[in-house]
């Protein structure tokens, strides 16, 4: 495995794009902060978290409106000054707040569930089971790290180690480490 350490996001993005263009297998990328455009450069699918937020918001809206209509019109109708019991304007604030609340909770819950985070999960190293990651000083503090799978143990990458090293140097890697997988 070959680790290329970068100090800037532009250099990292250039290295990722070049590695994908040369069909070098990218194991992972480690950054201390979100890098705009990294998901597209890696070829990741777009997030479906927005759809979860929409579904949660719609569920909150329907639930709040249904509860208010049931309480005010069906279960306990009260004639207050001759006003209609099913006034939509009276239901608007609570419906809006429930939409925001349930949408936000659904988003947070889906994120924690998908990321396998939560109060019962213990702390994990930034790269569990990845040899050599703990040896790279500042790997997730102030450096951006690109991990490439190269070597004799990875099928189809025999002899690509030197090409990957050259690619990382040309892209502006500050440090390159090779660790046996």
N, C-alpha and C. Protein backbone atom coordinates (compact mmCIF):
# COMPACT_ATOMS: atom_id res chain seq x y z
N UNK A 1 0.85 -1.16 0.00
CA UNK A 1 0.00 0.00 0.00
C UNK A 1 0.90 1.23 0.00
N UNK A 2 0.50 2.23 -0.73
CA UNK A 2 1.30 3.44 -0.89
C UNK A 2 0.48 4.62 -0.36
N UNK A 3 1.06 5.37 0.56
CA UNK A 3 0.40 6.53 1.15
C UNK A 3 1.07 7.79 0.64
N UNK A 4 0.28 8.68 0.06
CA UNK A 4 0.78 9.98 -0.37
C UNK A 4 0.18 11.05 0.52
N UNK A 5 1.03 11.86 1.16
CA UNK A 5 0.58 12.88 2.09
C UNK A 5 0.65 14.25 1.41
N UNK A 6 -0.45 14.98 1.45
CA UNK A 6 -0.56 16.28 0.80
C UNK A 6 -0.90 17.34 1.82
N UNK A 7 -0.52 18.59 1.53
CA UNK A 7 -0.84 19.69 2.42
C UNK A 7 -2.00 20.52 1.90
N UNK A 8 -2.33 20.39 0.63
CA UNK A 8 -3.42 21.17 0.05
C UNK A 8 -4.45 20.31 -0.65
N UNK A 9 -5.68 20.81 -0.68
CA UNK A 9 -6.78 20.06 -1.29
C UNK A 9 -6.65 19.99 -2.80
N UNK A 10 -6.12 21.02 -3.43
CA UNK A 10 -5.99 21.03 -4.89
C UNK A 10 -5.04 19.93 -5.36
N UNK A 11 -3.94 19.76 -4.64
CA UNK A 11 -2.98 18.72 -5.00
C UNK A 11 -3.59 17.33 -4.81
N UNK A 12 -4.32 17.17 -3.71
CA UNK A 12 -4.97 15.88 -3.46
C UNK A 12 -5.98 15.55 -4.55
N UNK A 13 -6.80 16.51 -4.93
CA UNK A 13 -7.79 16.28 -5.98
C UNK A 13 -7.13 15.93 -7.30
N UNK A 14 -6.03 16.60 -7.61
CA UNK A 14 -5.31 16.30 -8.85
C UNK A 14 -4.76 14.88 -8.82
N UNK A 15 -4.24 14.46 -7.67
CA UNK A 15 -3.71 13.10 -7.55
C UNK A 15 -4.81 12.06 -7.67
N UNK A 16 -5.96 12.32 -7.06
CA UNK A 16 -7.07 11.37 -7.12
C UNK A 16 -7.57 11.23 -8.56
N UNK A 17 -7.73 12.36 -9.24
CA UNK A 17 -8.20 12.31 -10.64
C UNK A 17 -7.20 11.57 -11.54
N UNK A 18 -5.92 11.82 -11.33
CA UNK A 18 -4.89 11.16 -12.14
C UNK A 18 -4.85 9.66 -11.85
N UNK A 19 -4.98 9.28 -10.58
CA UNK A 19 -4.97 7.86 -10.22
C UNK A 19 -6.18 7.14 -10.83
N UNK A 20 -7.33 7.79 -10.83
CA UNK A 20 -8.50 7.16 -11.46
C UNK A 20 -8.34 7.08 -12.97
N UNK A 21 -7.71 8.09 -13.57
CA UNK A 21 -7.50 8.06 -15.01
C UNK A 21 -6.55 6.93 -15.41
N UNK A 22 -5.59 6.63 -14.54
CA UNK A 22 -4.64 5.54 -14.82
C UNK A 22 -5.12 4.20 -14.29
N UNK A 23 -6.31 4.15 -13.75
CA UNK A 23 -6.92 2.92 -13.23
C UNK A 23 -6.10 2.31 -12.09
N UNK A 24 -5.51 3.16 -11.26
CA UNK A 24 -4.83 2.67 -10.06
C UNK A 24 -5.88 2.51 -8.97
N UNK A 25 -5.89 1.39 -8.27
CA UNK A 25 -6.92 1.18 -7.23
C UNK A 25 -6.69 2.09 -6.03
N UNK A 26 -7.67 2.92 -5.72
CA UNK A 26 -7.62 3.81 -4.57
C UNK A 26 -8.30 3.11 -3.41
N UNK A 27 -7.55 2.93 -2.32
CA UNK A 27 -8.14 2.29 -1.14
C UNK A 27 -9.04 3.28 -0.40
N UNK A 28 -8.51 4.46 -0.07
CA UNK A 28 -9.29 5.46 0.64
C UNK A 28 -8.54 6.78 0.64
N UNK A 29 -9.24 7.84 1.03
CA UNK A 29 -8.65 9.17 1.18
C UNK A 29 -9.02 9.65 2.57
N UNK A 30 -8.04 10.17 3.31
CA UNK A 30 -8.26 10.65 4.67
C UNK A 30 -7.97 12.14 4.72
N UNK A 31 -8.96 12.92 5.16
CA UNK A 31 -8.81 14.36 5.24
C UNK A 31 -9.29 14.86 6.60
N UNK A 32 -8.66 15.91 7.14
CA UNK A 32 -9.11 16.45 8.42
C UNK A 32 -10.34 17.34 8.31
N UNK A 33 -10.72 17.69 7.10
CA UNK A 33 -11.89 18.54 6.87
C UNK A 33 -12.51 18.14 5.54
N UNK A 34 -13.76 18.49 5.31
CA UNK A 34 -14.39 18.13 4.03
C UNK A 34 -13.71 18.83 2.86
N UNK A 35 -13.45 18.10 1.81
CA UNK A 35 -12.83 18.65 0.61
C UNK A 35 -13.89 18.68 -0.49
N UNK A 36 -14.21 19.89 -0.94
CA UNK A 36 -15.23 20.04 -1.97
C UNK A 36 -14.76 19.40 -3.28
N UNK A 37 -15.58 18.53 -3.84
CA UNK A 37 -15.27 17.88 -5.10
C UNK A 37 -14.58 16.53 -4.96
N UNK A 38 -14.26 16.12 -3.74
CA UNK A 38 -13.57 14.85 -3.54
C UNK A 38 -14.46 13.66 -3.87
N UNK A 39 -15.73 13.73 -3.50
CA UNK A 39 -16.65 12.62 -3.80
C UNK A 39 -16.79 12.41 -5.30
N UNK A 40 -16.88 13.51 -6.05
CA UNK A 40 -16.97 13.40 -7.51
C UNK A 40 -15.67 12.86 -8.10
N UNK A 41 -14.54 13.31 -7.55
CA UNK A 41 -13.25 12.84 -8.06
C UNK A 41 -13.06 11.35 -7.79
N UNK A 42 -13.59 10.87 -6.66
CA UNK A 42 -13.49 9.44 -6.34
C UNK A 42 -14.52 8.60 -7.09
N UNK A 43 -15.52 9.25 -7.66
CA UNK A 43 -16.56 8.53 -8.39
C UNK A 43 -17.64 7.97 -7.47
N UNK A 44 -17.81 8.58 -6.29
CA UNK A 44 -18.84 8.13 -5.36
C UNK A 44 -20.22 8.53 -5.86
N UNK A 45 -21.22 7.75 -5.45
CA UNK A 45 -22.60 8.08 -5.78
C UNK A 45 -23.05 9.28 -4.95
N UNK A 46 -24.01 10.05 -5.46
CA UNK A 46 -24.55 11.15 -4.65
C UNK A 46 -25.26 10.62 -3.40
N UNK A 47 -25.25 11.41 -2.37
CA UNK A 47 -25.87 11.01 -1.10
C UNK A 47 -27.38 10.94 -1.24
N UNK A 48 -27.97 9.98 -0.54
CA UNK A 48 -29.42 9.85 -0.51
C UNK A 48 -30.00 10.45 0.77
N UNK A 49 -29.20 11.16 1.50
CA UNK A 49 -29.63 11.73 2.77
C UNK A 49 -30.72 12.79 2.57
N UNK A 50 -30.68 13.50 1.46
CA UNK A 50 -31.72 14.49 1.17
C UNK A 50 -33.09 13.86 1.03
N UNK A 51 -33.15 12.66 0.46
CA UNK A 51 -34.42 11.96 0.31
C UNK A 51 -34.96 11.52 1.67
N UNK A 52 -34.06 11.15 2.57
CA UNK A 52 -34.48 10.79 3.93
C UNK A 52 -35.05 12.02 4.63
N UNK A 53 -34.41 13.17 4.43
CA UNK A 53 -34.91 14.40 5.03
C UNK A 53 -36.29 14.75 4.49
N UNK A 54 -36.46 14.61 3.18
CA UNK A 54 -37.77 14.89 2.58
C UNK A 54 -38.85 13.95 3.12
N UNK A 55 -38.53 12.68 3.20
CA UNK A 55 -39.51 11.71 3.71
C UNK A 55 -39.86 12.00 5.17
N UNK A 56 -38.85 12.33 5.98
CA UNK A 56 -39.12 12.67 7.38
C UNK A 56 -39.94 13.93 7.50
N UNK A 57 -39.64 14.94 6.69
CA UNK A 57 -40.40 16.18 6.72
C UNK A 57 -41.85 15.97 6.32
N UNK A 58 -42.06 15.19 5.27
CA UNK A 58 -43.44 14.91 4.84
C UNK A 58 -44.19 14.10 5.90
N UNK A 59 -43.51 13.16 6.54
CA UNK A 59 -44.15 12.39 7.61
C UNK A 59 -44.52 13.29 8.78
N UNK A 60 -43.64 14.24 9.12
CA UNK A 60 -43.96 15.18 10.19
C UNK A 60 -45.13 16.08 9.84
N UNK A 61 -45.17 16.55 8.59
CA UNK A 61 -46.28 17.40 8.13
C UNK A 61 -47.61 16.66 8.17
N UNK A 62 -47.62 15.46 7.60
CA UNK A 62 -48.86 14.67 7.57
C UNK A 62 -49.29 14.28 8.98
N UNK A 63 -48.33 13.88 9.81
CA UNK A 63 -48.66 13.49 11.18
C UNK A 63 -49.23 14.65 11.99
N UNK A 64 -48.60 15.82 11.90
CA UNK A 64 -49.08 16.97 12.67
C UNK A 64 -50.45 17.44 12.18
N UNK A 65 -50.61 17.52 10.86
CA UNK A 65 -51.91 17.95 10.32
C UNK A 65 -53.00 16.95 10.68
N UNK A 66 -52.70 15.67 10.58
CA UNK A 66 -53.70 14.64 10.91
C UNK A 66 -54.09 14.71 12.38
N UNK A 67 -53.13 14.85 13.26
CA UNK A 67 -53.42 14.93 14.69
C UNK A 67 -54.29 16.15 15.00
N UNK A 68 -53.96 17.29 14.42
CA UNK A 68 -54.73 18.51 14.69
C UNK A 68 -56.16 18.41 14.15
N UNK A 69 -56.32 17.87 12.94
CA UNK A 69 -57.66 17.71 12.38
C UNK A 69 -58.46 16.72 13.23
N UNK A 70 -57.85 15.64 13.63
CA UNK A 70 -58.56 14.65 14.45
C UNK A 70 -58.99 15.27 15.78
N UNK A 71 -58.07 16.01 16.43
CA UNK A 71 -58.40 16.60 17.73
C UNK A 71 -59.46 17.69 17.62
N UNK A 72 -59.31 18.59 16.63
CA UNK A 72 -60.18 19.76 16.55
C UNK A 72 -61.50 19.50 15.84
N UNK A 73 -61.55 18.55 14.92
CA UNK A 73 -62.75 18.35 14.11
C UNK A 73 -63.50 17.08 14.51
N UNK A 74 -62.79 16.00 14.75
CA UNK A 74 -63.45 14.71 14.94
C UNK A 74 -63.67 14.40 16.42
N UNK A 75 -62.61 14.44 17.21
CA UNK A 75 -62.70 13.98 18.59
C UNK A 75 -63.37 14.99 19.51
N UNK A 76 -63.00 16.23 19.44
CA UNK A 76 -63.50 17.22 20.38
C UNK A 76 -63.80 18.54 19.68
N UNK A 77 -64.82 18.59 18.83
CA UNK A 77 -65.12 19.85 18.14
C UNK A 77 -65.73 20.87 19.11
N UNK A 78 -65.15 22.06 19.12
CA UNK A 78 -65.63 23.14 19.98
C UNK A 78 -65.94 24.34 19.10
N UNK A 79 -67.12 24.90 19.26
CA UNK A 79 -67.52 26.08 18.52
C UNK A 79 -66.99 27.31 19.26
N UNK A 80 -65.96 27.95 18.68
CA UNK A 80 -65.35 29.12 19.30
C UNK A 80 -65.70 30.33 18.46
N UNK A 81 -66.69 31.07 18.87
CA UNK A 81 -67.08 32.30 18.18
C UNK A 81 -67.56 32.08 16.77
N UNK A 82 -68.08 30.93 16.44
CA UNK A 82 -68.60 30.66 15.11
C UNK A 82 -67.54 30.38 14.06
N UNK A 83 -66.28 30.20 14.49
CA UNK A 83 -65.20 29.91 13.54
C UNK A 83 -65.25 28.44 13.16
N UNK A 84 -64.79 28.12 11.94
CA UNK A 84 -64.80 26.71 11.53
C UNK A 84 -63.77 25.90 12.33
N UNK A 85 -64.11 24.66 12.60
CA UNK A 85 -63.22 23.81 13.39
C UNK A 85 -62.00 23.36 12.61
N UNK A 86 -62.10 23.32 11.29
CA UNK A 86 -60.97 22.84 10.47
C UNK A 86 -60.28 23.99 9.74
N UNK A 87 -59.93 25.03 10.45
CA UNK A 87 -59.25 26.18 9.86
C UNK A 87 -57.79 25.84 9.59
N UNK A 88 -57.40 25.91 8.33
CA UNK A 88 -56.03 25.55 7.94
C UNK A 88 -55.01 26.51 8.53
N UNK A 89 -55.36 27.79 8.67
CA UNK A 89 -54.41 28.76 9.23
C UNK A 89 -54.06 28.45 10.68
N UNK A 90 -54.98 27.89 11.42
CA UNK A 90 -54.71 27.54 12.82
C UNK A 90 -53.74 26.36 12.92
N UNK A 91 -53.75 25.52 11.91
CA UNK A 91 -52.89 24.32 11.94
C UNK A 91 -51.50 24.58 11.37
N UNK A 92 -51.29 25.72 10.73
CA UNK A 92 -50.05 25.98 10.01
C UNK A 92 -48.80 26.00 10.90
N UNK A 93 -48.76 26.75 12.01
CA UNK A 93 -47.51 26.81 12.79
C UNK A 93 -47.04 25.45 13.31
N UNK A 94 -47.95 24.69 13.87
CA UNK A 94 -47.56 23.39 14.43
C UNK A 94 -47.15 22.43 13.31
N UNK A 95 -47.84 22.48 12.18
CA UNK A 95 -47.47 21.61 11.05
C UNK A 95 -46.08 21.95 10.54
N UNK A 96 -45.78 23.24 10.45
CA UNK A 96 -44.44 23.66 10.01
C UNK A 96 -43.37 23.19 10.98
N UNK A 97 -43.59 23.40 12.26
CA UNK A 97 -42.60 23.00 13.26
C UNK A 97 -42.39 21.49 13.28
N UNK A 98 -43.46 20.73 13.13
CA UNK A 98 -43.33 19.27 13.13
C UNK A 98 -42.59 18.80 11.88
N UNK A 99 -42.80 19.49 10.76
CA UNK A 99 -42.07 19.15 9.53
C UNK A 99 -40.57 19.31 9.74
N UNK A 100 -40.16 20.44 10.30
CA UNK A 100 -38.74 20.70 10.54
C UNK A 100 -38.17 19.72 11.56
N UNK A 101 -38.90 19.49 12.64
CA UNK A 101 -38.41 18.61 13.70
C UNK A 101 -38.23 17.18 13.21
N UNK A 102 -39.24 16.60 12.59
CA UNK A 102 -39.15 15.19 12.17
C UNK A 102 -38.16 15.04 11.01
N UNK A 103 -38.10 16.03 10.12
CA UNK A 103 -37.11 15.97 9.04
C UNK A 103 -35.69 16.00 9.57
N UNK A 104 -35.44 16.86 10.55
CA UNK A 104 -34.10 16.92 11.16
C UNK A 104 -33.74 15.66 11.92
N UNK A 105 -34.70 15.14 12.68
CA UNK A 105 -34.44 13.91 13.43
C UNK A 105 -34.22 12.72 12.50
N UNK A 106 -34.97 12.66 11.41
CA UNK A 106 -34.78 11.57 10.43
C UNK A 106 -33.40 11.67 9.79
N UNK A 107 -32.96 12.89 9.48
CA UNK A 107 -31.64 13.08 8.89
C UNK A 107 -30.54 12.65 9.85
N UNK A 108 -30.63 13.10 11.08
CA UNK A 108 -29.61 12.74 12.08
C UNK A 108 -29.61 11.24 12.33
N UNK A 109 -30.79 10.65 12.46
CA UNK A 109 -30.87 9.20 12.69
C UNK A 109 -30.31 8.40 11.53
N UNK A 110 -30.63 8.79 10.30
CA UNK A 110 -30.11 8.07 9.13
C UNK A 110 -28.61 8.23 9.03
N UNK A 111 -28.10 9.41 9.33
CA UNK A 111 -26.65 9.63 9.28
C UNK A 111 -25.93 8.76 10.30
N UNK A 112 -26.41 8.76 11.55
CA UNK A 112 -25.77 7.95 12.57
C UNK A 112 -25.89 6.46 12.27
N UNK A 113 -27.03 6.04 11.76
CA UNK A 113 -27.22 4.63 11.45
C UNK A 113 -26.30 4.20 10.30
N UNK A 114 -26.24 5.00 9.23
CA UNK A 114 -25.44 4.65 8.07
C UNK A 114 -23.94 4.72 8.37
N UNK A 115 -23.55 5.65 9.22
CA UNK A 115 -22.13 5.82 9.58
C UNK A 115 -21.69 4.88 10.68
N UNK A 116 -22.65 4.13 11.22
CA UNK A 116 -22.39 3.22 12.34
C UNK A 116 -21.81 3.98 13.54
N UNK A 117 -22.38 5.16 13.79
CA UNK A 117 -21.99 5.96 14.94
C UNK A 117 -23.10 5.88 15.98
N UNK A 118 -22.79 6.22 17.17
CA UNK A 118 -23.82 6.22 18.20
C UNK A 118 -23.22 6.06 19.57
N UNK A 119 -24.07 6.10 20.57
CA UNK A 119 -23.55 6.02 21.94
C UNK A 119 -22.99 4.65 22.30
N UNK A 120 -23.41 3.60 21.63
CA UNK A 120 -22.92 2.27 21.96
C UNK A 120 -21.65 1.90 21.23
N UNK A 121 -21.32 2.61 20.15
CA UNK A 121 -20.11 2.32 19.40
C UNK A 121 -18.91 2.99 20.06
N UNK A 122 -17.84 2.26 20.20
CA UNK A 122 -16.64 2.81 20.80
C UNK A 122 -15.82 3.59 19.78
N UNK A 123 -14.80 4.27 20.25
CA UNK A 123 -13.95 5.02 19.32
C UNK A 123 -13.17 4.08 18.41
N UNK A 124 -13.03 4.47 17.17
CA UNK A 124 -12.29 3.67 16.21
C UNK A 124 -11.15 4.51 15.64
N UNK A 125 -10.07 3.87 15.28
CA UNK A 125 -8.98 4.62 14.65
C UNK A 125 -9.42 5.16 13.30
N UNK A 126 -8.76 6.19 12.79
CA UNK A 126 -9.18 6.76 11.52
C UNK A 126 -9.15 5.78 10.37
N UNK A 127 -8.30 4.79 10.43
CA UNK A 127 -8.22 3.79 9.38
C UNK A 127 -8.10 2.43 10.03
N UNK A 128 -9.21 1.85 10.46
CA UNK A 128 -9.12 0.58 11.18
C UNK A 128 -8.55 -0.54 10.32
N UNK A 129 -7.59 -1.23 10.88
CA UNK A 129 -7.01 -2.36 10.19
C UNK A 129 -6.07 -1.99 9.07
N UNK A 130 -5.79 -0.72 8.88
CA UNK A 130 -4.89 -0.32 7.80
C UNK A 130 -3.48 -0.18 8.34
N UNK A 131 -2.58 -1.03 7.89
CA UNK A 131 -1.21 -0.94 8.40
C UNK A 131 -0.54 0.34 7.92
N UNK A 132 0.24 0.93 8.79
CA UNK A 132 1.02 2.10 8.42
C UNK A 132 0.31 3.42 8.65
N UNK A 133 -0.99 3.43 8.83
CA UNK A 133 -1.71 4.68 8.99
C UNK A 133 -1.34 5.36 10.30
N UNK A 134 -1.10 4.58 11.35
CA UNK A 134 -0.74 5.17 12.64
C UNK A 134 0.66 5.76 12.61
N UNK A 135 1.49 5.33 11.66
CA UNK A 135 2.86 5.83 11.58
C UNK A 135 2.94 7.19 10.89
N UNK A 136 1.92 7.57 10.16
CA UNK A 136 1.95 8.84 9.44
C UNK A 136 1.51 9.93 10.39
N UNK A 137 2.44 10.74 10.79
CA UNK A 137 2.19 11.79 11.78
C UNK A 137 1.29 12.87 11.17
N UNK A 138 0.20 13.18 11.85
CA UNK A 138 -0.72 14.22 11.41
C UNK A 138 -1.64 13.78 10.28
N UNK A 139 -1.85 12.46 10.15
CA UNK A 139 -2.64 11.95 9.02
C UNK A 139 -4.04 12.53 8.97
N UNK A 140 -4.68 12.71 10.10
CA UNK A 140 -6.01 13.30 10.08
C UNK A 140 -6.05 14.59 10.89
N UNK A 141 -4.91 15.14 11.24
CA UNK A 141 -4.86 16.41 11.95
C UNK A 141 -4.69 17.58 11.00
N UNK A 142 -3.66 17.52 10.16
CA UNK A 142 -3.41 18.63 9.26
C UNK A 142 -2.94 18.18 7.87
N UNK A 143 -2.93 16.89 7.62
CA UNK A 143 -2.52 16.38 6.32
C UNK A 143 -3.66 15.66 5.63
N UNK A 144 -3.61 15.65 4.31
CA UNK A 144 -4.56 14.92 3.50
C UNK A 144 -3.81 13.71 2.94
N UNK A 145 -4.35 12.51 3.10
CA UNK A 145 -3.64 11.29 2.75
C UNK A 145 -4.43 10.52 1.70
N UNK A 146 -3.74 10.13 0.65
CA UNK A 146 -4.31 9.27 -0.39
C UNK A 146 -3.65 7.90 -0.28
N UNK A 147 -4.45 6.87 -0.09
CA UNK A 147 -3.94 5.51 0.06
C UNK A 147 -4.23 4.74 -1.22
N UNK A 148 -3.17 4.32 -1.90
CA UNK A 148 -3.28 3.56 -3.15
C UNK A 148 -2.89 2.11 -2.89
N UNK A 149 -3.62 1.19 -3.51
CA UNK A 149 -3.29 -0.23 -3.42
C UNK A 149 -2.36 -0.57 -4.57
N UNK A 150 -1.12 -0.81 -4.25
CA UNK A 150 -0.14 -1.22 -5.26
C UNK A 150 0.72 -2.32 -4.68
N UNK A 151 1.33 -3.08 -5.55
CA UNK A 151 2.23 -4.13 -5.10
C UNK A 151 1.84 -5.48 -5.63
N UNK A 152 2.60 -6.47 -5.23
CA UNK A 152 2.40 -7.83 -5.73
C UNK A 152 1.18 -8.51 -5.12
N UNK A 153 0.70 -8.00 -3.98
CA UNK A 153 -0.44 -8.66 -3.33
C UNK A 153 -1.78 -8.25 -3.93
N UNK A 154 -1.81 -7.18 -4.70
CA UNK A 154 -3.05 -6.72 -5.31
C UNK A 154 -3.06 -7.13 -6.77
N UNK A 155 -4.11 -7.83 -7.16
CA UNK A 155 -4.20 -8.35 -8.53
C UNK A 155 -4.27 -7.21 -9.54
N UNK A 156 -3.46 -7.27 -10.56
CA UNK A 156 -3.48 -6.28 -11.63
C UNK A 156 -2.64 -5.06 -11.37
N UNK A 157 -1.89 -5.02 -10.25
CA UNK A 157 -1.09 -3.84 -9.96
C UNK A 157 0.40 -4.16 -9.89
N UNK A 158 0.81 -5.30 -10.41
CA UNK A 158 2.23 -5.64 -10.39
C UNK A 158 2.99 -4.62 -11.21
N UNK A 159 4.01 -4.02 -10.61
CA UNK A 159 4.82 -3.05 -11.33
C UNK A 159 4.23 -1.64 -11.35
N UNK A 160 3.07 -1.43 -10.76
CA UNK A 160 2.47 -0.10 -10.75
C UNK A 160 2.99 0.75 -9.60
N UNK A 161 3.80 0.19 -8.73
CA UNK A 161 4.30 0.93 -7.58
C UNK A 161 5.10 2.14 -7.98
N UNK A 162 5.98 1.99 -8.96
CA UNK A 162 6.80 3.12 -9.41
C UNK A 162 5.96 4.16 -10.14
N UNK A 163 4.99 3.71 -10.92
CA UNK A 163 4.10 4.65 -11.61
C UNK A 163 3.26 5.43 -10.60
N UNK A 164 2.80 4.77 -9.54
CA UNK A 164 2.03 5.45 -8.51
C UNK A 164 2.89 6.44 -7.74
N UNK A 165 4.11 6.04 -7.46
CA UNK A 165 5.03 6.95 -6.75
C UNK A 165 5.31 8.20 -7.60
N UNK A 166 5.53 8.02 -8.89
CA UNK A 166 5.76 9.15 -9.79
C UNK A 166 4.53 10.04 -9.85
N UNK A 167 3.36 9.42 -9.91
CA UNK A 167 2.11 10.19 -9.94
C UNK A 167 1.98 11.05 -8.69
N UNK A 168 2.23 10.48 -7.52
CA UNK A 168 2.11 11.22 -6.27
C UNK A 168 3.12 12.35 -6.18
N UNK A 169 4.34 12.11 -6.64
CA UNK A 169 5.36 13.16 -6.62
C UNK A 169 4.98 14.31 -7.56
N UNK A 170 4.50 13.97 -8.76
CA UNK A 170 4.10 15.00 -9.71
C UNK A 170 2.91 15.81 -9.22
N UNK A 171 2.02 15.17 -8.44
CA UNK A 171 0.84 15.87 -7.92
C UNK A 171 1.18 16.78 -6.74
N UNK A 172 2.37 16.61 -6.16
CA UNK A 172 2.78 17.49 -5.07
C UNK A 172 2.73 16.87 -3.69
N UNK A 173 2.92 15.55 -3.62
CA UNK A 173 2.91 14.89 -2.31
C UNK A 173 4.11 15.34 -1.49
N UNK A 174 3.88 15.69 -0.23
CA UNK A 174 4.95 16.11 0.64
C UNK A 174 5.74 14.91 1.15
N UNK A 175 5.04 13.79 1.32
CA UNK A 175 5.68 12.59 1.85
C UNK A 175 5.00 11.38 1.22
N UNK A 176 5.79 10.36 0.91
CA UNK A 176 5.26 9.12 0.36
C UNK A 176 5.79 7.98 1.20
N UNK A 177 4.87 7.13 1.64
CA UNK A 177 5.26 5.96 2.43
C UNK A 177 4.72 4.71 1.78
N UNK A 178 5.54 3.69 1.74
CA UNK A 178 5.09 2.40 1.25
C UNK A 178 5.08 1.42 2.42
N UNK A 179 3.93 0.79 2.63
CA UNK A 179 3.76 -0.13 3.73
C UNK A 179 3.25 -1.44 3.17
N UNK A 180 3.82 -2.54 3.61
CA UNK A 180 3.37 -3.85 3.16
C UNK A 180 1.99 -4.11 3.75
N UNK A 181 1.07 -4.53 2.90
CA UNK A 181 -0.31 -4.73 3.37
C UNK A 181 -0.47 -5.99 4.13
